[in-house]
Amino acid sequence: MKIIFAGETKRVPEFKSFEDIVNYSHSVFKSDMSAESTHHDLKLFYMDEDNDIISVDCQSDFDLALQSNSAKVKFVFAE
C-alpha cells in the first residue's frame, strides 16, 4: 500500500481502517500538512480499474478500494 501527499510517496503498512490511514498519514506527512488541517480537511482518492478517480470518505469506501485494488492500491491525499 502506498500513500501520496504533495508529490511525496510513502510505502505504508496494510491498513484495514479508514481512520488509521488518515491518522498515520498525518503523522508521516506532518511537516507538509498545514497545522490547522484535520482529517476532515483532507480528501482521500484512488484510481479504480476503469481509471476513474474515486473519493474515499468513510470506512465502507475504504473497504471497497481495498477490494478492487488489493495488491497495488495507492491512495492520494489532497487538502
PDB file of N, CA and C in Angstrom:
ATOM      1  N   MET A   1       0.845  -1.167   0.000  1.00  0.00           N
ATOM      2  CA  MET A   1       0.000   0.000   0.000  1.00  0.00           C
ATOM      3  C   MET A   1       0.893   1.232   0.000  1.00  0.00           C
ATOM      4  N   LYS A   2       0.495   2.237  -0.753  1.00  0.00           N
ATOM      5  CA  LYS A   2       1.236   3.495  -0.812  1.00  0.00           C
ATOM      6  C   LYS A   2       0.285   4.655  -0.556  1.00  0.00           C
ATOM      7  N   ILE A   3       0.831   5.714   0.046  1.00  0.00           N
ATOM      8  CA  ILE A   3       0.079   6.955   0.198  1.00  0.00           C
ATOM      9  C   ILE A   3       0.897   8.080  -0.420  1.00  0.00           C
ATOM     10  N   ILE A   4       0.208   9.009  -1.020  1.00  0.00           N
ATOM     11  CA  ILE A   4       0.846  10.122  -1.716  1.00  0.00           C
ATOM     12  C   ILE A   4       0.243  11.412  -1.197  1.00  0.00           C
ATOM     13  N   PHE A   5       1.122  12.392  -0.901  1.00  0.00           N
ATOM     14  CA  PHE A   5       0.670  13.713  -0.497  1.00  0.00           C
ATOM     15  C   PHE A   5       1.697  14.724  -0.970  1.00  0.00           C
ATOM     16  N   ALA A   6       1.253  15.764  -1.632  1.00  0.00           N
ATOM     17  CA  ALA A   6       2.107  16.862  -2.103  1.00  0.00           C
ATOM     18  C   ALA A   6       3.305  16.348  -2.899  1.00  0.00           C
ATOM     19  N   GLY A   7       3.061  15.357  -3.752  1.00  0.00           N
ATOM     20  CA  GLY A   7       4.109  14.837  -4.620  1.00  0.00           C
ATOM     21  C   GLY A   7       5.058  13.867  -3.970  1.00  0.00           C
ATOM     22  N   GLU A   8       4.884  13.563  -2.695  1.00  0.00           N
ATOM     23  CA  GLU A   8       5.756  12.615  -1.991  1.00  0.00           C
ATOM     24  C   GLU A   8       5.001  11.309  -1.790  1.00  0.00           C
ATOM     25  N   THR A   9       5.666  10.193  -2.091  1.00  0.00           N
ATOM     26  CA  THR A   9       5.061   8.871  -1.967  1.00  0.00           C
ATOM     27  C   THR A   9       5.749   8.092  -0.862  1.00  0.00           C
ATOM     28  N   LYS A  10       4.942   7.433  -0.030  1.00  0.00           N
ATOM     29  CA  LYS A  10       5.463   6.595   1.056  1.00  0.00           C
ATOM     30  C   LYS A  10       4.799   5.227   0.976  1.00  0.00           C
ATOM     31  N   ARG A  11       5.593   4.191   1.170  1.00  0.00           N
ATOM     32  CA  ARG A  11       5.051   2.843   1.312  1.00  0.00           C
ATOM     33  C   ARG A  11       4.675   2.686   2.785  1.00  0.00           C
ATOM     34  N   VAL A  12       3.483   2.161   3.041  1.00  0.00           N
ATOM     35  CA  VAL A  12       2.966   2.082   4.406  1.00  0.00           C
ATOM     36  C   VAL A  12       2.422   0.681   4.681  1.00  0.00           C
ATOM     37  N   PRO A  13       2.202   0.379   5.964  1.00  0.00           N
ATOM     38  CA  PRO A  13       1.599  -0.927   6.296  1.00  0.00           C
ATOM     39  C   PRO A  13       0.213  -1.061   5.682  1.00  0.00           C
ATOM     40  N   GLU A  14      -0.254  -2.280   5.588  1.00  0.00           N
ATOM     41  CA  GLU A  14      -1.600  -2.539   5.079  1.00  0.00           C
ATOM     42  C   GLU A  14      -2.611  -2.158   6.151  1.00  0.00           C
ATOM     43  N   PHE A  15      -3.296  -1.071   5.962  1.00  0.00           N
ATOM     44  CA  PHE A  15      -4.301  -0.620   6.916  1.00  0.00           C
ATOM     45  C   PHE A  15      -5.646  -1.252   6.601  1.00  0.00           C
ATOM     46  N   LYS A  16      -6.414  -1.511   7.633  1.00  0.00           N
ATOM     47  CA  LYS A  16      -7.778  -2.036   7.477  1.00  0.00           C
ATOM     48  C   LYS A  16      -8.814  -0.990   7.850  1.00  0.00           C
ATOM     49  N   SER A  17      -8.360   0.128   8.425  1.00  0.00           N
ATOM     50  CA  SER A  17      -9.275   1.146   8.910  1.00  0.00           C
ATOM     51  C   SER A  17      -9.018   2.477   8.206  1.00  0.00           C
ATOM     52  N   PHE A  18     -10.084   3.100   7.752  1.00  0.00           N
ATOM     53  CA  PHE A  18     -10.012   4.425   7.128  1.00  0.00           C
ATOM     54  C   PHE A  18      -9.398   5.428   8.104  1.00  0.00           C
ATOM     55  N   GLU A  19      -9.857   5.406   9.336  1.00  0.00           N
ATOM     56  CA  GLU A  19      -9.361   6.338  10.350  1.00  0.00           C
ATOM     57  C   GLU A  19      -7.866   6.130  10.603  1.00  0.00           C
ATOM     58  N   ASP A  20      -7.416   4.875  10.609  1.00  0.00           N
ATOM     59  CA  ASP A  20      -6.000   4.583  10.846  1.00  0.00           C
ATOM     60  C   ASP A  20      -5.113   5.142   9.745  1.00  0.00           C
ATOM     61  N   ILE A  21      -5.526   4.995   8.488  1.00  0.00           N
ATOM     62  CA  ILE A  21      -4.684   5.507   7.402  1.00  0.00           C
ATOM     63  C   ILE A  21      -4.645   7.032   7.413  1.00  0.00           C
ATOM     64  N   VAL A  22      -5.753   7.669   7.768  1.00  0.00           N
ATOM     65  CA  VAL A  22      -5.772   9.130   7.847  1.00  0.00           C
ATOM     66  C   VAL A  22      -4.858   9.605   8.971  1.00  0.00           C
ATOM     67  N   ASN A  23      -4.972   8.991  10.141  1.00  0.00           N
ATOM     68  CA  ASN A  23      -4.126   9.380  11.271  1.00  0.00           C
ATOM     69  C   ASN A  23      -2.649   9.118  10.993  1.00  0.00           C
ATOM     70  N   TYR A  24      -2.340   7.968  10.404  1.00  0.00           N
ATOM     71  CA  TYR A  24      -0.961   7.640  10.060  1.00  0.00           C
ATOM     72  C   TYR A  24      -0.407   8.655   9.061  1.00  0.00           C
ATOM     73  N   SER A  25      -1.201   9.018   8.082  1.00  0.00           N
ATOM     74  CA  SER A  25      -0.753   9.971   7.069  1.00  0.00           C
ATOM     75  C   SER A  25      -0.453  11.328   7.685  1.00  0.00           C
ATOM     76  N   HIS A  26      -1.270  11.739   8.642  1.00  0.00           N
ATOM     77  CA  HIS A  26      -0.992  12.996   9.345  1.00  0.00           C
ATOM     78  C   HIS A  26       0.348  12.938  10.046  1.00  0.00           C
ATOM     79  N   SER A  27       0.678  11.797  10.652  1.00  0.00           N
ATOM     80  CA  SER A  27       1.960  11.696  11.364  1.00  0.00           C
ATOM     81  C   SER A  27       3.137  11.625  10.389  1.00  0.00           C
ATOM     82  N   VAL A  28       2.987  10.930   9.282  1.00  0.00           N
ATOM     83  CA  VAL A  28       4.074  10.775   8.307  1.00  0.00           C
ATOM     84  C   VAL A  28       4.342  12.071   7.548  1.00  0.00           C
ATOM     85  N   PHE A  29       3.287  12.765   7.167  1.00  0.00           N
ATOM     86  CA  PHE A  29       3.428  13.983   6.372  1.00  0.00           C
ATOM     87  C   PHE A  29       3.240  15.243   7.211  1.00  0.00           C
ATOM     88  N   LYS A  30       3.475  15.160   8.511  1.00  0.00           N
ATOM     89  CA  LYS A  30       3.175  16.280   9.404  1.00  0.00           C
ATOM     90  C   LYS A  30       3.863  17.578   9.006  1.00  0.00           C
ATOM     91  N   SER A  31       5.053  17.519   8.456  1.00  0.00           N
ATOM     92  CA  SER A  31       5.744  18.755   8.066  1.00  0.00           C
ATOM     93  C   SER A  31       5.121  19.384   6.819  1.00  0.00           C
ATOM     94  N   ASP A  32       4.446  18.571   6.001  1.00  0.00           N
ATOM     95  CA  ASP A  32       3.853  19.074   4.768  1.00  0.00           C
ATOM     96  C   ASP A  32       2.393  19.490   4.923  1.00  0.00           C
ATOM     97  N   MET A  33       1.718  18.882   5.892  1.00  0.00           N
ATOM     98  CA  MET A  33       0.307  19.198   6.104  1.00  0.00           C
ATOM     99  C   MET A  33       0.211  20.412   7.015  1.00  0.00           C
ATOM    100  N   SER A  34      -0.677  21.304   6.694  1.00  0.00           N
ATOM    101  CA  SER A  34      -0.802  22.528   7.482  1.00  0.00           C
ATOM    102  C   SER A  34      -1.213  22.204   8.915  1.00  0.00           C
ATOM    103  N   ALA A  35      -0.781  23.026   9.846  1.00  0.00           N
ATOM    104  CA  ALA A  35      -1.049  22.806  11.261  1.00  0.00           C
ATOM    105  C   ALA A  35      -2.543  22.811  11.562  1.00  0.00           C
ATOM    106  N   GLU A  36      -3.312  23.595  10.806  1.00  0.00           N
ATOM    107  CA  GLU A  36      -4.742  23.682  11.049  1.00  0.00           C
ATOM    108  C   GLU A  36      -5.508  22.513  10.454  1.00  0.00           C
ATOM    109  N   SER A  37      -4.854  21.709   9.632  1.00  0.00           N
ATOM    110  CA  SER A  37      -5.532  20.611   8.960  1.00  0.00           C
ATOM    111  C   SER A  37      -6.009  19.570   9.958  1.00  0.00           C
ATOM    112  N   THR A  38      -7.207  19.094   9.737  1.00  0.00           N
ATOM    113  CA  THR A  38      -7.704  17.928  10.454  1.00  0.00           C
ATOM    114  C   THR A  38      -8.000  16.878   9.410  1.00  0.00           C
ATOM    115  N   HIS A  39      -8.337  15.684   9.850  1.00  0.00           N
ATOM    116  CA  HIS A  39      -8.637  14.670   8.839  1.00  0.00           C
ATOM    117  C   HIS A  39      -9.869  15.048   8.038  1.00  0.00           C
ATOM    118  N   HIS A  40     -10.680  15.977   8.543  1.00  0.00           N
ATOM    119  CA  HIS A  40     -11.844  16.420   7.775  1.00  0.00           C
ATOM    120  C   HIS A  40     -11.439  17.364   6.640  1.00  0.00           C
ATOM    121  N   ASP A  41     -10.247  17.966   6.738  1.00  0.00           N
ATOM    122  CA  ASP A  41      -9.752  18.862   5.699  1.00  0.00           C
ATOM    123  C   ASP A  41      -9.111  18.100   4.543  1.00  0.00           C
ATOM    124  N   LEU A  42      -8.767  16.849   4.776  1.00  0.00           N
ATOM    125  CA  LEU A  42      -8.111  16.044   3.760  1.00  0.00           C
ATOM    126  C   LEU A  42      -9.129  15.222   2.991  1.00  0.00           C
ATOM    127  N   LYS A  43      -8.862  15.046   1.723  1.00  0.00           N
ATOM    128  CA  LYS A  43      -9.700  14.208   0.879  1.00  0.00           C
ATOM    129  C   LYS A  43      -8.814  13.079   0.372  1.00  0.00           C
ATOM    130  N   LEU A  44      -9.305  11.864   0.448  1.00  0.00           N
ATOM    131  CA  LEU A  44      -8.559  10.680   0.041  1.00  0.00           C
ATOM    132  C   LEU A  44      -9.144  10.157  -1.269  1.00  0.00           C
ATOM    133  N   PHE A  45      -8.262   9.808  -2.211  1.00  0.00           N
ATOM    134  CA  PHE A  45      -8.677   9.320  -3.524  1.00  0.00           C
ATOM    135  C   PHE A  45      -7.848   8.099  -3.921  1.00  0.00           C
ATOM    136  N   TYR A  46      -8.397   7.323  -4.851  1.00  0.00           N
ATOM    137  CA  TYR A  46      -7.644   6.261  -5.507  1.00  0.00           C
ATOM    138  C   TYR A  46      -8.174   6.124  -6.928  1.00  0.00           C
ATOM    139  N   MET A  47      -7.418   5.452  -7.785  1.00  0.00           N
ATOM    140  CA  MET A  47      -7.849   5.224  -9.160  1.00  0.00           C
ATOM    141  C   MET A  47      -8.316   3.771  -9.276  1.00  0.00           C
ATOM    142  N   ASP A  48      -9.520   3.586  -9.784  1.00  0.00           N
ATOM    143  CA  ASP A  48     -10.052   2.231  -9.893  1.00  0.00           C
ATOM    144  C   ASP A  48      -9.607   1.557 -11.186  1.00  0.00           C
ATOM    145  N   GLU A  49     -10.093   0.339 -11.396  1.00  0.00           N
ATOM    146  CA  GLU A  49      -9.675  -0.457 -12.557  1.00  0.00           C
ATOM    147  C   GLU A  49     -10.125   0.145 -13.882  1.00  0.00           C
ATOM    148  N   ASP A  50     -11.080   1.074 -13.856  1.00  0.00           N
ATOM    149  CA  ASP A  50     -11.523   1.763 -15.073  1.00  0.00           C
ATOM    150  C   ASP A  50     -10.816   3.107 -15.248  1.00  0.00           C
ATOM    151  N   ASN A  51      -9.804   3.359 -14.420  1.00  0.00           N
ATOM    152  CA  ASN A  51      -9.048   4.611 -14.411  1.00  0.00           C
ATOM    153  C   ASN A  51      -9.890   5.821 -14.026  1.00  0.00           C
ATOM    154  N   ASP A  52     -10.942   5.566 -13.237  1.00  0.00           N
ATOM    155  CA  ASP A  52     -11.729   6.653 -12.668  1.00  0.00           C
ATOM    156  C   ASP A  52     -11.143   7.017 -11.314  1.00  0.00           C
ATOM    157  N   ILE A  53     -11.152   8.301 -10.983  1.00  0.00           N
ATOM    158  CA  ILE A  53     -10.677   8.751  -9.678  1.00  0.00           C
ATOM    159  C   ILE A  53     -11.852   8.700  -8.720  1.00  0.00           C
ATOM    160  N   ILE A  54     -11.676   7.917  -7.659  1.00  0.00           N
ATOM    161  CA  ILE A  54     -12.744   7.655  -6.699  1.00  0.00           C
ATOM    162  C   ILE A  54     -12.380   8.276  -5.354  1.00  0.00           C
ATOM    163  N   SER A  55     -13.326   9.004  -4.757  1.00  0.00           N
ATOM    164  CA  SER A  55     -13.073   9.578  -3.437  1.00  0.00           C
ATOM    165  C   SER A  55     -13.422   8.558  -2.357  1.00  0.00           C
ATOM    166  N   VAL A  56     -12.699   8.671  -1.239  1.00  0.00           N
ATOM    167  CA  VAL A  56     -12.906   7.792  -0.096  1.00  0.00           C
ATOM    168  C   VAL A  56     -13.209   8.676   1.100  1.00  0.00           C
ATOM    169  N   ASP A  57     -14.451   8.562   1.599  1.00  0.00           N
ATOM    170  CA  ASP A  57     -14.898   9.429   2.687  1.00  0.00           C
ATOM    171  C   ASP A  57     -15.214   8.689   3.977  1.00  0.00           C
ATOM    172  N   CYS A  58     -15.245   7.369   3.935  1.00  0.00           N
ATOM    173  CA  CYS A  58     -15.661   6.607   5.113  1.00  0.00           C
ATOM    174  C   CYS A  58     -15.100   5.187   5.020  1.00  0.00           C
ATOM    175  N   GLN A  59     -15.368   4.409   6.051  1.00  0.00           N
ATOM    176  CA  GLN A  59     -14.850   3.044   6.117  1.00  0.00           C
ATOM    177  C   GLN A  59     -15.349   2.179   4.967  1.00  0.00           C
ATOM    178  N   SER A  60     -16.614   2.292   4.604  1.00  0.00           N
ATOM    179  CA  SER A  60     -17.129   1.441   3.521  1.00  0.00           C
ATOM    180  C   SER A  60     -16.477   1.779   2.182  1.00  0.00           C
ATOM    181  N   ASP A  61     -16.210   3.055   1.918  1.00  0.00           N
ATOM    182  CA  ASP A  61     -15.470   3.439   0.701  1.00  0.00           C
ATOM    183  C   ASP A  61     -14.062   2.851   0.726  1.00  0.00           C
ATOM    184  N   PHE A  62     -13.432   2.912   1.896  1.00  0.00           N
ATOM    185  CA  PHE A  62     -12.079   2.384   2.052  1.00  0.00           C
ATOM    186  C   PHE A  62     -12.064   0.870   1.810  1.00  0.00           C
ATOM    187  N   ASP A  63     -13.051   0.170   2.349  1.00  0.00           N
ATOM    188  CA  ASP A  63     -13.142  -1.276   2.145  1.00  0.00           C
ATOM    189  C   ASP A  63     -13.295  -1.619   0.663  1.00  0.00           C
ATOM    190  N   LEU A  64     -14.118  -0.864  -0.045  1.00  0.00           N
ATOM    191  CA  LEU A  64     -14.293  -1.094  -1.490  1.00  0.00           C
ATOM    192  C   LEU A  64     -12.995  -0.847  -2.253  1.00  0.00           C
ATOM    193  N   ALA A  65     -12.254   0.176  -1.854  1.00  0.00           N
ATOM    194  CA  ALA A  65     -10.970   0.466  -2.503  1.00  0.00           C
ATOM    195  C   ALA A  65     -10.006  -0.694  -2.322  1.00  0.00           C
ATOM    196  N   LEU A  66      -9.955  -1.241  -1.124  1.00  0.00           N
ATOM    197  CA  LEU A  66      -9.060  -2.374  -0.863  1.00  0.00           C
ATOM    198  C   LEU A  66      -9.478  -3.599  -1.649  1.00  0.00           C
ATOM    199  N   GLN A  67     -10.760  -3.828  -1.784  1.00  0.00           N
ATOM    200  CA  GLN A  67     -11.245  -4.988  -2.535  1.00  0.00           C
ATOM    201  C   GLN A  67     -10.935  -4.868  -4.021  1.00  0.00           C
ATOM    202  N   SER A  68     -11.069  -3.686  -4.571  1.00  0.00           N
ATOM    203  CA  SER A  68     -10.904  -3.530  -6.010  1.00  0.00           C
ATOM    204  C   SER A  68      -9.446  -3.420  -6.436  1.00  0.00           C
ATOM    205  N   ASN A  69      -8.576  -3.007  -5.532  1.00  0.00           N
ATOM    206  CA  ASN A  69      -7.160  -2.814  -5.868  1.00  0.00           C
ATOM    207  C   ASN A  69      -6.264  -3.515  -4.861  1.00  0.00           C
ATOM    208  N   SER A  70      -6.591  -4.690  -4.470  1.00  0.00           N
ATOM    209  CA  SER A  70      -5.978  -5.332  -3.319  1.00  0.00           C
ATOM    210  C   SER A  70      -4.454  -5.259  -3.266  1.00  0.00           C
ATOM    211  N   ALA A  71      -3.761  -5.580  -4.329  1.00  0.00           N
ATOM    212  CA  ALA A  71      -2.305  -5.661  -4.254  1.00  0.00           C
ATOM    213  C   ALA A  71      -1.593  -4.345  -4.559  1.00  0.00           C
ATOM    214  N   LYS A  72      -2.198  -3.485  -5.334  1.00  0.00           N
ATOM    215  CA  LYS A  72      -1.482  -2.303  -5.807  1.00  0.00           C
ATOM    216  C   LYS A  72      -2.205  -1.003  -5.505  1.00  0.00           C
ATOM    217  N   VAL A  73      -2.837  -0.932  -4.366  1.00  0.00           N
ATOM    218  CA  VAL A  73      -3.608   0.270  -4.073  1.00  0.00           C
ATOM    219  C   VAL A  73      -2.685   1.428  -3.699  1.00  0.00           C
ATOM    220  N   LYS A  74      -2.975   2.596  -4.296  1.00  0.00           N
ATOM    221  CA  LYS A  74      -2.286   3.845  -3.979  1.00  0.00           C
ATOM    222  C   LYS A  74      -3.352   4.845  -3.615  1.00  0.00           C
ATOM    223  N   PHE A  75      -3.198   5.430  -2.443  1.00  0.00           N
ATOM    224  CA  PHE A  75      -4.133   6.471  -2.014  1.00  0.00           C
ATOM    225  C   PHE A  75      -3.459   7.812  -2.117  1.00  0.00           C
ATOM    226  N   VAL A  76      -4.192   8.794  -2.586  1.00  0.00           N
ATOM    227  CA  VAL A  76      -3.673  10.151  -2.723  1.00  0.00           C
ATOM    228  C   VAL A  76      -4.485  11.052  -1.819  1.00  0.00           C
ATOM    229  N   PHE A  77      -3.784  11.861  -1.002  1.00  0.00           N
ATOM    230  CA  PHE A  77      -4.433  12.844  -0.148  1.00  0.00           C
ATOM    231  C   PHE A  77      -4.303  14.215  -0.770  1.00  0.00           C
ATOM    232  N   ALA A  78      -5.356  14.990  -0.653  1.00  0.00           N
ATOM    233  CA  ALA A  78      -5.332  16.394  -1.074  1.00  0.00           C
ATOM    234  C   ALA A  78      -6.064  17.198  -0.022  1.00  0.00           C
ATOM    235  N   GLU A  79      -5.582  18.422   0.222  1.00  0.00           N
ATOM    236  CA  GLU A  79      -6.240  19.301   1.194  1.00  0.00           C
ATOM    237  C   GLU A  79      -7.332  20.083   0.503  1.00  0.00           C
TER     238      GLU A  79
END
